[in-house]
Amino acid sequence: MGVPKRKTSKMRLRTRKASHRWQPPQLNKCAQCGSTVASHTACPSCGYYRGRQVLTVEG
């Protein structure tokens, strides 16, 4: 069974845990209407995704 040979330092432990911290979702601007949209998502206000109309939006 694997047993650590040395104590893990606080710095090494915190550095490892830092990569698991929460990060807010990436928000981009819609090319058509300029509203804020999550990445890889069709725009809820205009219905465009990557330059094509993919949703019909009532409005």
C-alpha atoms as a PDB file:
ATOM      1  CA  MET A   1       0.000   0.000   0.000  1.00  0.00           C
ATOM      2  CA  GLY A   2       1.315   3.443  -0.930  1.00  0.00           C
ATOM      3  CA  VAL A   3       2.236   5.613   2.025  1.00  0.00           C
ATOM      4  CA  PRO A   4       3.615   9.167   1.693  1.00  0.00           C
ATOM      5  CA  LYS A   5       7.294   9.385   2.557  1.00  0.00           C
ATOM      6  CA  ARG A   6       7.148  13.087   3.518  1.00  0.00           C
ATOM      7  CA  LYS A   7       4.516  15.467   4.876  1.00  0.00           C
ATOM      8  CA  THR A   8       2.796  17.516   2.174  1.00  0.00           C
ATOM      9  CA  SER A   9       3.619  21.181   2.728  1.00  0.00           C
ATOM     10  CA  LYS A  10       0.903  23.817   3.126  1.00  0.00           C
ATOM     11  CA  MET A  11       2.057  25.541  -0.055  1.00  0.00           C
ATOM     12  CA  ARG A  12       1.823  22.365  -2.143  1.00  0.00           C
ATOM     13  CA  LEU A  13      -1.568  21.495  -0.650  1.00  0.00           C
ATOM     14  CA  ARG A  14      -3.015  24.974  -1.289  1.00  0.00           C
ATOM     15  CA  THR A  15      -1.623  25.069  -4.813  1.00  0.00           C
ATOM     16  CA  ARG A  16      -3.362  21.790  -5.586  1.00  0.00           C
ATOM     17  CA  LYS A  17      -6.653  22.897  -4.031  1.00  0.00           C
ATOM     18  CA  ALA A  18      -6.550  26.239  -5.880  1.00  0.00           C
ATOM     19  CA  SER A  19      -7.245  24.529  -9.200  1.00  0.00           C
ATOM     20  CA  HIS A  20     -10.589  23.247  -7.857  1.00  0.00           C
ATOM     21  CA  ARG A  21     -11.973  26.668  -6.972  1.00  0.00           C
ATOM     22  CA  TRP A  22     -15.270  27.866  -8.438  1.00  0.00           C
ATOM     23  CA  GLN A  23     -15.088  29.990 -11.574  1.00  0.00           C
ATOM     24  CA  PRO A  24     -18.010  31.946 -13.012  1.00  0.00           C
ATOM     25  CA  PRO A  25     -19.391  30.824 -16.387  1.00  0.00           C
ATOM     26  CA  GLN A  26     -17.820  32.445 -19.455  1.00  0.00           C
ATOM     27  CA  LEU A  27     -20.163  35.050 -20.953  1.00  0.00           C
ATOM     28  CA  ASN A  28     -19.747  36.367 -24.500  1.00  0.00           C
ATOM     29  CA  LYS A  29     -21.521  39.035 -26.520  1.00  0.00           C
ATOM     30  CA  CYS A  30     -23.961  38.000 -29.220  1.00  0.00           C
ATOM     31  CA  ALA A  31     -22.696  39.038 -32.675  1.00  0.00           C
ATOM     32  CA  GLN A  32     -26.216  39.917 -33.864  1.00  0.00           C
ATOM     33  CA  CYS A  33     -27.807  41.834 -30.992  1.00  0.00           C
ATOM     34  CA  GLY A  34     -24.933  42.404 -28.545  1.00  0.00           C
ATOM     35  CA  SER A  35     -26.614  40.840 -25.521  1.00  0.00           C
ATOM     36  CA  THR A  36     -24.687  38.678 -23.057  1.00  0.00           C
ATOM     37  CA  VAL A  37     -24.854  34.947 -23.828  1.00  0.00           C
ATOM     38  CA  ALA A  38     -23.185  31.885 -22.286  1.00  0.00           C
ATOM     39  CA  SER A  39     -20.606  30.139 -24.484  1.00  0.00           C
ATOM     40  CA  HIS A  40     -21.843  27.482 -26.946  1.00  0.00           C
ATOM     41  CA  THR A  41     -25.460  28.600 -26.460  1.00  0.00           C
ATOM     42  CA  ALA A  42     -28.003  30.117 -28.830  1.00  0.00           C
ATOM     43  CA  CYS A  43     -28.903  33.715 -27.970  1.00  0.00           C
ATOM     44  CA  PRO A  44     -32.232  33.750 -26.103  1.00  0.00           C
ATOM     45  CA  SER A  45     -33.075  37.308 -27.218  1.00  0.00           C
ATOM     46  CA  CYS A  46     -32.514  37.023 -30.991  1.00  0.00           C
ATOM     47  CA  GLY A  47     -32.228  33.235 -31.601  1.00  0.00           C
ATOM     48  CA  TYR A  48     -28.905  33.300 -33.470  1.00  0.00           C
ATOM     49  CA  TYR A  49     -26.016  30.859 -32.981  1.00  0.00           C
ATOM     50  CA  ARG A  50     -22.757  31.139 -34.948  1.00  0.00           C
ATOM     51  CA  GLY A  51     -24.321  33.493 -37.486  1.00  0.00           C
ATOM     52  CA  ARG A  52     -27.382  31.350 -38.213  1.00  0.00           C
ATOM     53  CA  GLN A  53     -30.992  31.670 -37.028  1.00  0.00           C
ATOM     54  CA  VAL A  54     -31.615  28.520 -34.946  1.00  0.00           C
ATOM     55  CA  LEU A  55     -34.493  29.624 -32.704  1.00  0.00           C
ATOM     56  CA  THR A  56     -37.684  31.445 -33.528  1.00  0.00           C
ATOM     57  CA  VAL A  57     -38.087  34.222 -30.983  1.00  0.00           C
ATOM     58  CA  GLU A  58     -41.446  35.856 -30.397  1.00  0.00           C
ATOM     59  CA  GLY A  59     -41.075  39.502 -29.742  1.00  0.00           C
END
